[in-house]
Amino acid sequence: MPKKILYYCLCLILAGMAAATMALAQPGGGVGGGFQERFREIKRTQMGPALGVNQQTVDQLLQIEQRYRPQRHQMILEAKTEFQRLEQALNQPNPSNQEIKAILDNIKRKEQEINALKQRQDVDEMAILTPVQYGKYILYQKKLMREARSVKGGDQGETAPIIPQGPREIPVSRPAR
């Protein structure tokens, strides 16, 4: 029973960390200025009209994002390291409860630090946007992240534009019987 609880907690934590990790767009192997730079340029051109704000406000939002990105990236890397430690410890024949608890505590602490950083960033963003603009901003970010994930997850050799579009059809292949 304790293993089930441990795995359930681990799954919840992993889901939260996966969402945070996916939100962090990393450079695309240095090709064409990198994924991050293209992503930032698209935000710079599309965000103003999407939110109904001027270019100065867009630039302020991008500066806020740029200010928090290195800290967030570092915290996510540290959390990934802790997850690797957890996986290694759980793969041992008789994992120590104390060791697992210490690792889980570290993971939880990293998760809280990431959330606190996100809240500080949200406060900074809300300070320059109206509630309506901030609501649009959240939806715009989600839409853009979905689109970026689908483009970035594709063939690395492709240079598909990262322009948010409507829903896409996804081919489904079924195994032959």
N, C-alpha and C. Protein backbone atom coordinates (compact mmCIF):
# COMPACT_ATOMS: atom_id res chain seq x y z
N MET A 1 0.81 -1.21 0.00
CA MET A 1 0.00 0.00 0.00
C MET A 1 0.85 1.27 0.00
N PRO A 2 1.91 1.35 0.83
CA PRO A 2 2.74 2.57 0.81
C PRO A 2 3.37 2.81 -0.57
N LYS A 3 3.70 1.73 -1.31
CA LYS A 3 4.27 1.92 -2.64
C LYS A 3 3.26 2.57 -3.57
N LYS A 4 2.00 2.18 -3.45
CA LYS A 4 0.95 2.78 -4.29
C LYS A 4 0.83 4.27 -4.00
N ILE A 5 0.85 4.63 -2.74
CA ILE A 5 0.77 6.05 -2.36
C ILE A 5 1.98 6.79 -2.88
N LEU A 6 3.15 6.20 -2.73
CA LEU A 6 4.37 6.82 -3.22
C LEU A 6 4.29 7.04 -4.73
N TYR A 7 3.87 6.02 -5.46
CA TYR A 7 3.77 6.16 -6.91
C TYR A 7 2.70 7.19 -7.30
N TYR A 8 1.61 7.23 -6.57
CA TYR A 8 0.57 8.22 -6.85
C TYR A 8 1.12 9.64 -6.65
N CYS A 9 1.80 9.86 -5.54
CA CYS A 9 2.40 11.17 -5.28
C CYS A 9 3.44 11.50 -6.34
N LEU A 10 4.23 10.52 -6.71
CA LEU A 10 5.24 10.72 -7.73
C LEU A 10 4.60 11.12 -9.06
N CYS A 11 3.53 10.45 -9.41
CA CYS A 11 2.83 10.78 -10.67
C CYS A 11 2.30 12.21 -10.65
N LEU A 12 1.73 12.62 -9.53
CA LEU A 12 1.23 13.99 -9.43
C LEU A 12 2.36 15.00 -9.56
N ILE A 13 3.45 14.73 -8.90
CA ILE A 13 4.60 15.63 -8.97
C ILE A 13 5.17 15.65 -10.39
N LEU A 14 5.27 14.47 -11.00
CA LEU A 14 5.78 14.39 -12.37
C LEU A 14 4.91 15.18 -13.33
N ALA A 15 3.60 15.08 -13.16
CA ALA A 15 2.69 15.82 -14.03
C ALA A 15 2.93 17.33 -13.90
N GLY A 16 3.07 17.80 -12.68
CA GLY A 16 3.33 19.22 -12.47
C GLY A 16 4.67 19.64 -13.04
N MET A 17 5.67 18.81 -12.86
CA MET A 17 7.00 19.14 -13.39
C MET A 17 7.01 19.08 -14.90
N ALA A 18 6.28 18.14 -15.48
CA ALA A 18 6.23 18.05 -16.94
C ALA A 18 5.61 19.30 -17.53
N ALA A 19 4.57 19.80 -16.89
CA ALA A 19 3.94 21.03 -17.38
C ALA A 19 4.92 22.20 -17.30
N ALA A 20 5.65 22.28 -16.19
CA ALA A 20 6.62 23.36 -16.06
C ALA A 20 7.75 23.22 -17.07
N THR A 21 8.18 21.98 -17.30
CA THR A 21 9.26 21.74 -18.25
C THR A 21 8.83 22.09 -19.67
N MET A 22 7.61 21.71 -20.02
CA MET A 22 7.13 22.01 -21.37
C MET A 22 6.98 23.51 -21.58
N ALA A 23 6.70 24.22 -20.54
CA ALA A 23 6.55 25.66 -20.67
C ALA A 23 7.87 26.34 -20.96
N LEU A 24 8.95 25.65 -20.70
CA LEU A 24 10.28 26.22 -20.92
C LEU A 24 10.75 25.82 -22.31
N ALA A 25 10.68 26.73 -23.24
CA ALA A 25 11.16 26.47 -24.60
C ALA A 25 12.66 26.62 -24.62
N GLN A 26 13.36 25.61 -25.09
CA GLN A 26 14.81 25.64 -25.12
C GLN A 26 15.28 25.84 -26.55
N PRO A 27 16.51 26.33 -26.72
CA PRO A 27 17.04 26.54 -28.06
C PRO A 27 17.00 25.27 -28.88
N GLY A 28 16.76 25.41 -30.17
CA GLY A 28 16.61 24.27 -31.08
C GLY A 28 17.90 23.87 -31.74
N GLY A 29 18.91 23.57 -30.96
CA GLY A 29 20.15 23.06 -31.51
C GLY A 29 20.99 24.09 -32.23
N GLY A 30 20.73 25.36 -32.07
CA GLY A 30 21.54 26.40 -32.66
C GLY A 30 21.28 26.63 -34.13
N VAL A 31 20.25 26.04 -34.70
CA VAL A 31 19.94 26.20 -36.11
C VAL A 31 19.08 27.44 -36.30
N GLY A 32 19.48 28.31 -37.20
CA GLY A 32 18.67 29.47 -37.53
C GLY A 32 18.39 30.39 -36.36
N GLY A 33 19.35 30.57 -35.46
CA GLY A 33 19.12 31.46 -34.33
C GLY A 33 18.42 30.78 -33.18
N GLY A 34 18.06 29.54 -33.36
CA GLY A 34 17.46 28.79 -32.27
C GLY A 34 15.96 28.97 -32.16
N PHE A 35 15.36 27.97 -31.63
CA PHE A 35 13.91 27.94 -31.45
C PHE A 35 13.46 29.09 -30.56
N GLN A 36 14.21 29.33 -29.49
CA GLN A 36 13.83 30.34 -28.51
C GLN A 36 13.75 31.73 -29.14
N GLU A 37 14.73 32.06 -29.98
CA GLU A 37 14.74 33.37 -30.62
C GLU A 37 13.57 33.52 -31.58
N ARG A 38 13.29 32.50 -32.37
CA ARG A 38 12.14 32.55 -33.29
C ARG A 38 10.84 32.69 -32.50
N PHE A 39 10.77 31.97 -31.40
CA PHE A 39 9.58 32.00 -30.55
C PHE A 39 9.38 33.40 -29.98
N ARG A 40 10.47 34.00 -29.54
CA ARG A 40 10.42 35.36 -28.97
C ARG A 40 9.99 36.38 -30.04
N GLU A 41 10.49 36.24 -31.25
CA GLU A 41 10.13 37.17 -32.32
C GLU A 41 8.64 37.06 -32.67
N ILE A 42 8.15 35.84 -32.67
CA ILE A 42 6.72 35.65 -32.95
C ILE A 42 5.89 36.31 -31.85
N LYS A 43 6.30 36.14 -30.61
CA LYS A 43 5.60 36.80 -29.50
C LYS A 43 5.64 38.31 -29.69
N ARG A 44 6.80 38.82 -30.05
CA ARG A 44 6.97 40.27 -30.20
C ARG A 44 6.00 40.83 -31.24
N THR A 45 5.78 40.09 -32.32
CA THR A 45 4.92 40.61 -33.39
C THR A 45 3.44 40.32 -33.16
N GLN A 46 3.11 39.20 -32.53
CA GLN A 46 1.71 38.81 -32.41
C GLN A 46 1.03 39.19 -31.11
N MET A 47 1.81 39.36 -30.05
CA MET A 47 1.22 39.55 -28.73
C MET A 47 0.41 40.84 -28.62
N GLY A 48 0.93 41.93 -29.17
CA GLY A 48 0.24 43.22 -29.07
C GLY A 48 -1.19 43.14 -29.60
N PRO A 49 -1.37 42.73 -30.86
CA PRO A 49 -2.73 42.63 -31.38
C PRO A 49 -3.60 41.61 -30.63
N ALA A 50 -2.98 40.50 -30.20
CA ALA A 50 -3.75 39.46 -29.50
C ALA A 50 -4.28 39.96 -28.16
N LEU A 51 -3.50 40.82 -27.47
CA LEU A 51 -3.91 41.30 -26.16
C LEU A 51 -4.55 42.68 -26.21
N GLY A 52 -4.37 43.37 -27.32
CA GLY A 52 -4.87 44.73 -27.41
C GLY A 52 -3.99 45.70 -26.64
N VAL A 53 -2.67 45.48 -26.70
CA VAL A 53 -1.73 46.36 -26.00
C VAL A 53 -0.72 46.92 -27.00
N ASN A 54 -0.01 47.99 -26.59
CA ASN A 54 0.98 48.60 -27.46
C ASN A 54 2.31 47.83 -27.40
N GLN A 55 3.23 48.21 -28.29
CA GLN A 55 4.52 47.51 -28.38
C GLN A 55 5.35 47.69 -27.12
N GLN A 56 5.23 48.81 -26.46
CA GLN A 56 5.97 49.04 -25.21
C GLN A 56 5.56 48.02 -24.15
N THR A 57 4.27 47.75 -24.05
CA THR A 57 3.77 46.77 -23.09
C THR A 57 4.26 45.37 -23.46
N VAL A 58 4.24 45.06 -24.74
CA VAL A 58 4.75 43.76 -25.21
C VAL A 58 6.21 43.62 -24.81
N ASP A 59 7.00 44.66 -25.05
CA ASP A 59 8.42 44.61 -24.69
C ASP A 59 8.61 44.43 -23.19
N GLN A 60 7.77 45.08 -22.38
CA GLN A 60 7.86 44.91 -20.93
C GLN A 60 7.56 43.46 -20.53
N LEU A 61 6.54 42.87 -21.16
CA LEU A 61 6.21 41.47 -20.86
C LEU A 61 7.35 40.54 -21.25
N LEU A 62 7.96 40.79 -22.38
CA LEU A 62 9.08 39.96 -22.82
C LEU A 62 10.29 40.14 -21.91
N GLN A 63 10.49 41.34 -21.39
CA GLN A 63 11.59 41.58 -20.45
C GLN A 63 11.36 40.82 -19.15
N ILE A 64 10.12 40.83 -18.68
CA ILE A 64 9.79 40.08 -17.46
C ILE A 64 10.07 38.60 -17.68
N GLU A 65 9.61 38.08 -18.80
CA GLU A 65 9.83 36.68 -19.13
C GLU A 65 11.34 36.38 -19.18
N GLN A 66 12.09 37.25 -19.80
CA GLN A 66 13.54 37.07 -19.93
C GLN A 66 14.23 37.10 -18.57
N ARG A 67 13.73 37.92 -17.67
CA ARG A 67 14.32 38.06 -16.34
C ARG A 67 14.14 36.77 -15.52
N TYR A 68 13.00 36.11 -15.67
CA TYR A 68 12.72 34.91 -14.87
C TYR A 68 13.20 33.62 -15.51
N ARG A 69 13.45 33.62 -16.81
CA ARG A 69 13.79 32.39 -17.53
C ARG A 69 15.01 31.67 -16.97
N PRO A 70 16.14 32.34 -16.71
CA PRO A 70 17.32 31.60 -16.22
C PRO A 70 17.07 30.91 -14.87
N GLN A 71 16.37 31.58 -13.97
CA GLN A 71 16.08 30.97 -12.67
C GLN A 71 15.17 29.76 -12.84
N ARG A 72 14.15 29.91 -13.67
CA ARG A 72 13.21 28.81 -13.90
C ARG A 72 13.93 27.63 -14.53
N HIS A 73 14.77 27.92 -15.51
CA HIS A 73 15.51 26.87 -16.19
C HIS A 73 16.39 26.11 -15.20
N GLN A 74 17.10 26.84 -14.34
CA GLN A 74 17.96 26.21 -13.35
C GLN A 74 17.16 25.33 -12.39
N MET A 75 16.04 25.84 -11.93
CA MET A 75 15.21 25.06 -10.99
C MET A 75 14.68 23.79 -11.65
N ILE A 76 14.31 23.89 -12.90
CA ILE A 76 13.79 22.72 -13.61
C ILE A 76 14.90 21.69 -13.80
N LEU A 77 16.10 22.14 -14.11
CA LEU A 77 17.23 21.21 -14.23
C LEU A 77 17.50 20.51 -12.90
N GLU A 78 17.44 21.26 -11.82
CA GLU A 78 17.66 20.67 -10.49
C GLU A 78 16.57 19.66 -10.16
N ALA A 79 15.33 19.99 -10.52
CA ALA A 79 14.23 19.05 -10.27
C ALA A 79 14.40 17.78 -11.09
N LYS A 80 14.84 17.91 -12.33
CA LYS A 80 15.08 16.73 -13.17
C LYS A 80 16.15 15.84 -12.55
N THR A 81 17.17 16.47 -12.01
CA THR A 81 18.24 15.71 -11.35
C THR A 81 17.68 14.94 -10.17
N GLU A 82 16.81 15.57 -9.41
CA GLU A 82 16.20 14.88 -8.26
C GLU A 82 15.32 13.71 -8.71
N PHE A 83 14.60 13.89 -9.82
CA PHE A 83 13.79 12.79 -10.34
C PHE A 83 14.67 11.63 -10.79
N GLN A 84 15.82 11.93 -11.38
CA GLN A 84 16.76 10.88 -11.77
C GLN A 84 17.28 10.15 -10.54
N ARG A 85 17.59 10.91 -9.49
CA ARG A 85 18.03 10.29 -8.23
C ARG A 85 16.94 9.38 -7.68
N LEU A 86 15.69 9.86 -7.74
CA LEU A 86 14.57 9.06 -7.24
C LEU A 86 14.44 7.76 -8.03
N GLU A 87 14.53 7.89 -9.34
CA GLU A 87 14.41 6.70 -10.19
C GLU A 87 15.52 5.70 -9.87
N GLN A 88 16.76 6.19 -9.73
CA GLN A 88 17.88 5.31 -9.39
C GLN A 88 17.67 4.65 -8.03
N ALA A 89 17.22 5.42 -7.07
CA ALA A 89 17.01 4.87 -5.73
C ALA A 89 15.91 3.81 -5.74
N LEU A 90 14.84 4.07 -6.48
CA LEU A 90 13.73 3.11 -6.51
C LEU A 90 14.08 1.85 -7.31
N ASN A 91 15.09 1.94 -8.15
CA ASN A 91 15.52 0.77 -8.92
C ASN A 91 16.44 -0.14 -8.11
N GLN A 92 16.84 0.29 -6.92
CA GLN A 92 17.66 -0.54 -6.05
C GLN A 92 16.80 -1.67 -5.50
N PRO A 93 17.42 -2.81 -5.18
CA PRO A 93 16.63 -3.95 -4.66
C PRO A 93 15.84 -3.61 -3.40
N ASN A 94 16.43 -2.92 -2.47
CA ASN A 94 15.76 -2.53 -1.24
C ASN A 94 15.98 -1.05 -0.98
N PRO A 95 15.18 -0.19 -1.61
CA PRO A 95 15.41 1.25 -1.41
C PRO A 95 15.13 1.65 0.03
N SER A 96 15.95 2.55 0.53
CA SER A 96 15.84 3.03 1.89
C SER A 96 14.70 4.05 1.98
N ASN A 97 13.82 3.86 2.93
CA ASN A 97 12.73 4.82 3.12
C ASN A 97 13.26 6.22 3.41
N GLN A 98 14.33 6.30 4.19
CA GLN A 98 14.90 7.60 4.53
C GLN A 98 15.45 8.30 3.30
N GLU A 99 16.14 7.55 2.46
CA GLU A 99 16.70 8.14 1.25
C GLU A 99 15.59 8.61 0.31
N ILE A 100 14.57 7.77 0.13
CA ILE A 100 13.45 8.13 -0.74
C ILE A 100 12.72 9.35 -0.19
N LYS A 101 12.52 9.37 1.12
CA LYS A 101 11.84 10.52 1.73
C LYS A 101 12.63 11.80 1.52
N ALA A 102 13.96 11.74 1.66
CA ALA A 102 14.81 12.92 1.46
C ALA A 102 14.71 13.41 0.02
N ILE A 103 14.73 12.49 -0.93
CA ILE A 103 14.62 12.87 -2.34
C ILE A 103 13.25 13.48 -2.62
N LEU A 104 12.19 12.85 -2.10
CA LEU A 104 10.84 13.38 -2.29
C LEU A 104 10.70 14.77 -1.68
N ASP A 105 11.32 14.97 -0.51
CA ASP A 105 11.31 16.30 0.11
C ASP A 105 11.99 17.33 -0.79
N ASN A 106 13.13 16.93 -1.39
CA ASN A 106 13.83 17.83 -2.31
C ASN A 106 12.98 18.15 -3.53
N ILE A 107 12.31 17.14 -4.06
CA ILE A 107 11.44 17.35 -5.23
C ILE A 107 10.32 18.30 -4.87
N LYS A 108 9.71 18.08 -3.73
CA LYS A 108 8.62 18.94 -3.29
C LYS A 108 9.10 20.38 -3.09
N ARG A 109 10.28 20.53 -2.51
CA ARG A 109 10.84 21.86 -2.29
C ARG A 109 11.11 22.56 -3.64
N LYS A 110 11.64 21.84 -4.60
CA LYS A 110 11.89 22.41 -5.93
C LYS A 110 10.57 22.82 -6.58
N GLU A 111 9.58 21.98 -6.45
CA GLU A 111 8.26 22.29 -7.01
C GLU A 111 7.71 23.58 -6.39
N GLN A 112 7.87 23.73 -5.08
CA GLN A 112 7.41 24.95 -4.40
C GLN A 112 8.20 26.17 -4.86
N GLU A 113 9.50 26.01 -5.06
CA GLU A 113 10.32 27.12 -5.53
C GLU A 113 9.91 27.54 -6.94
N ILE A 114 9.63 26.57 -7.79
CA ILE A 114 9.18 26.87 -9.16
C ILE A 114 7.84 27.60 -9.12
N ASN A 115 6.94 27.12 -8.28
CA ASN A 115 5.63 27.78 -8.15
C ASN A 115 5.77 29.20 -7.60
N ALA A 116 6.65 29.39 -6.62
CA ALA A 116 6.85 30.73 -6.06
C ALA A 116 7.43 31.67 -7.11
N LEU A 117 8.35 31.17 -7.91
CA LEU A 117 8.92 31.98 -8.99
C LEU A 117 7.85 32.35 -10.00
N LYS A 118 7.02 31.38 -10.34
CA LYS A 118 5.92 31.64 -11.30
C LYS A 118 4.97 32.69 -10.73
N GLN A 119 4.68 32.62 -9.44
CA GLN A 119 3.79 33.61 -8.82
C GLN A 119 4.42 35.01 -8.86
N ARG A 120 5.73 35.10 -8.61
CA ARG A 120 6.39 36.41 -8.69
C ARG A 120 6.32 36.97 -10.11
N GLN A 121 6.52 36.09 -11.09
CA GLN A 121 6.41 36.53 -12.48
C GLN A 121 4.99 36.98 -12.79
N ASP A 122 4.00 36.24 -12.33
CA ASP A 122 2.60 36.62 -12.54
C ASP A 122 2.30 37.99 -11.95
N VAL A 123 2.80 38.26 -10.74
CA VAL A 123 2.57 39.55 -10.10
C VAL A 123 3.16 40.67 -10.95
N ASP A 124 4.38 40.46 -11.46
CA ASP A 124 5.02 41.46 -12.31
C ASP A 124 4.21 41.70 -13.59
N GLU A 125 3.71 40.63 -14.18
CA GLU A 125 2.93 40.75 -15.41
C GLU A 125 1.57 41.43 -15.15
N MET A 126 0.95 41.06 -14.04
CA MET A 126 -0.35 41.66 -13.72
C MET A 126 -0.22 43.14 -13.39
N ALA A 127 0.97 43.58 -12.98
CA ALA A 127 1.17 44.99 -12.65
C ALA A 127 1.10 45.88 -13.88
N ILE A 128 1.35 45.32 -15.06
CA ILE A 128 1.33 46.15 -16.27
C ILE A 128 0.14 45.87 -17.18
N LEU A 129 -0.69 44.89 -16.81
CA LEU A 129 -1.85 44.54 -17.62
C LEU A 129 -3.14 44.72 -16.82
N THR A 130 -4.21 45.03 -17.52
CA THR A 130 -5.52 45.03 -16.87
C THR A 130 -5.94 43.58 -16.68
N PRO A 131 -6.94 43.31 -15.84
CA PRO A 131 -7.41 41.93 -15.68
C PRO A 131 -7.85 41.29 -17.01
N VAL A 132 -8.51 42.06 -17.87
CA VAL A 132 -8.94 41.51 -19.16
C VAL A 132 -7.72 41.18 -20.02
N GLN A 133 -6.74 42.08 -20.05
CA GLN A 133 -5.53 41.83 -20.83
C GLN A 133 -4.76 40.63 -20.27
N TYR A 134 -4.72 40.54 -18.95
CA TYR A 134 -4.00 39.42 -18.34
C TYR A 134 -4.69 38.10 -18.67
N GLY A 135 -6.01 38.09 -18.65
CA GLY A 135 -6.75 36.89 -19.04
C GLY A 135 -6.46 36.50 -20.48
N LYS A 136 -6.44 37.48 -21.37
CA LYS A 136 -6.10 37.21 -22.77
C LYS A 136 -4.65 36.72 -22.89
N TYR A 137 -3.79 37.29 -22.06
CA TYR A 137 -2.38 36.90 -22.07
C TYR A 137 -2.21 35.44 -21.69
N ILE A 138 -2.91 35.00 -20.66
CA ILE A 138 -2.83 33.60 -20.24
C ILE A 138 -3.30 32.68 -21.36
N LEU A 139 -4.43 33.01 -21.97
CA LEU A 139 -4.95 32.17 -23.06
C LEU A 139 -4.02 32.20 -24.27
N TYR A 140 -3.45 33.36 -24.58
CA TYR A 140 -2.51 33.47 -25.68
C TYR A 140 -1.29 32.59 -25.43
N GLN A 141 -0.75 32.65 -24.21
CA GLN A 141 0.43 31.84 -23.86
C GLN A 141 0.13 30.35 -24.01
N LYS A 142 -1.03 29.92 -23.53
CA LYS A 142 -1.39 28.50 -23.63
C LYS A 142 -1.49 28.07 -25.08
N LYS A 143 -2.14 28.89 -25.89
CA LYS A 143 -2.30 28.58 -27.31
C LYS A 143 -0.94 28.52 -27.99
N LEU A 144 -0.09 29.47 -27.70
CA LEU A 144 1.23 29.53 -28.30
C LEU A 144 2.08 28.33 -27.87
N MET A 145 2.01 27.96 -26.61
CA MET A 145 2.77 26.80 -26.11
C MET A 145 2.32 25.51 -26.79
N ARG A 146 1.01 25.36 -26.94
CA ARG A 146 0.48 24.17 -27.63
C ARG A 146 1.04 24.09 -29.04
N GLU A 147 0.99 25.21 -29.74
CA GLU A 147 1.48 25.27 -31.11
C GLU A 147 2.99 25.02 -31.16
N ALA A 148 3.74 25.62 -30.25
CA ALA A 148 5.19 25.46 -30.23
C ALA A 148 5.56 24.01 -29.95
N ARG A 149 4.84 23.36 -29.04
CA ARG A 149 5.12 21.96 -28.74
C ARG A 149 4.89 21.08 -29.95
N SER A 150 3.81 21.37 -30.69
CA SER A 150 3.52 20.54 -31.86
C SER A 150 4.57 20.75 -32.94
N VAL A 151 5.05 21.97 -33.11
CA VAL A 151 6.08 22.25 -34.11
C VAL A 151 7.42 21.69 -33.65
N LYS A 152 7.79 21.95 -32.42
CA LYS A 152 9.08 21.51 -31.90
C LYS A 152 9.14 19.99 -31.79
N GLY A 153 8.03 19.37 -31.51
CA GLY A 153 7.99 17.92 -31.37
C GLY A 153 8.11 17.20 -32.69
N GLY A 154 7.96 17.93 -33.81
CA GLY A 154 8.04 17.32 -35.13
C GLY A 154 9.48 17.04 -35.51
N ASP A 155 9.69 16.80 -36.78
CA ASP A 155 11.01 16.52 -37.31
C ASP A 155 11.93 17.71 -37.06
N GLN A 156 13.10 17.46 -36.49
CA GLN A 156 14.04 18.53 -36.16
C GLN A 156 14.56 19.23 -37.41
N GLY A 157 14.52 18.57 -38.56
CA GLY A 157 15.00 19.17 -39.78
C GLY A 157 14.01 20.15 -40.39
N GLU A 158 12.78 20.10 -39.99
CA GLU A 158 11.76 20.98 -40.53
C GLU A 158 11.97 22.41 -40.05
N THR A 159 11.55 23.35 -40.86
CA THR A 159 11.60 24.75 -40.46
C THR A 159 10.19 25.33 -40.51
N ALA A 160 9.26 24.60 -39.98
CA ALA A 160 7.87 25.03 -40.00
C ALA A 160 7.71 26.29 -39.17
N PRO A 161 6.88 27.21 -39.63
CA PRO A 161 6.66 28.44 -38.86
C PRO A 161 5.93 28.14 -37.57
N ILE A 162 6.17 28.96 -36.55
CA ILE A 162 5.53 28.79 -35.26
C ILE A 162 4.41 29.80 -35.17
N ILE A 163 3.46 29.69 -36.03
CA ILE A 163 2.37 30.65 -36.04
C ILE A 163 1.12 29.93 -35.52
N PRO A 164 0.55 30.42 -34.42
CA PRO A 164 -0.64 29.77 -33.89
C PRO A 164 -1.74 29.75 -34.94
N GLN A 165 -2.28 28.59 -35.15
CA GLN A 165 -3.36 28.42 -36.11
C GLN A 165 -4.47 27.66 -35.42
N GLY A 166 -5.48 27.37 -36.16
CA GLY A 166 -6.61 26.62 -35.61
C GLY A 166 -6.21 25.18 -35.34
N PRO A 167 -7.18 24.36 -34.99
CA PRO A 167 -6.90 22.96 -34.70
C PRO A 167 -6.35 22.25 -35.94
N ARG A 168 -5.49 21.29 -35.71
CA ARG A 168 -4.89 20.51 -36.79
C ARG A 168 -5.42 19.09 -36.75
N GLU A 169 -5.43 18.46 -37.90
CA GLU A 169 -5.75 17.04 -37.94
C GLU A 169 -4.47 16.28 -37.64
N ILE A 170 -4.58 15.30 -36.80
CA ILE A 170 -3.42 14.49 -36.46
C ILE A 170 -3.64 13.11 -37.05
N PRO A 171 -2.72 12.65 -37.91
CA PRO A 171 -2.89 11.32 -38.51
C PRO A 171 -2.80 10.25 -37.43
N VAL A 172 -3.67 9.29 -37.53
CA VAL A 172 -3.69 8.19 -36.58
C VAL A 172 -3.39 6.91 -37.35
N SER A 173 -2.41 6.17 -36.87
CA SER A 173 -2.12 4.88 -37.51
C SER A 173 -2.54 3.79 -36.55
N ARG A 174 -3.21 2.85 -37.08
CA ARG A 174 -3.67 1.71 -36.28
C ARG A 174 -2.86 0.48 -36.66
N PRO A 175 -2.50 -0.32 -35.68
CA PRO A 175 -1.72 -1.51 -35.99
C PRO A 175 -2.52 -2.49 -36.85
N ALA A 176 -1.83 -3.15 -37.77
CA ALA A 176 -2.49 -4.15 -38.62
C ALA A 176 -2.86 -5.35 -37.78
N ARG A 177 -3.94 -5.96 -38.14
CA ARG A 177 -4.39 -7.14 -37.36
C ARG A 177 -4.16 -8.40 -38.11
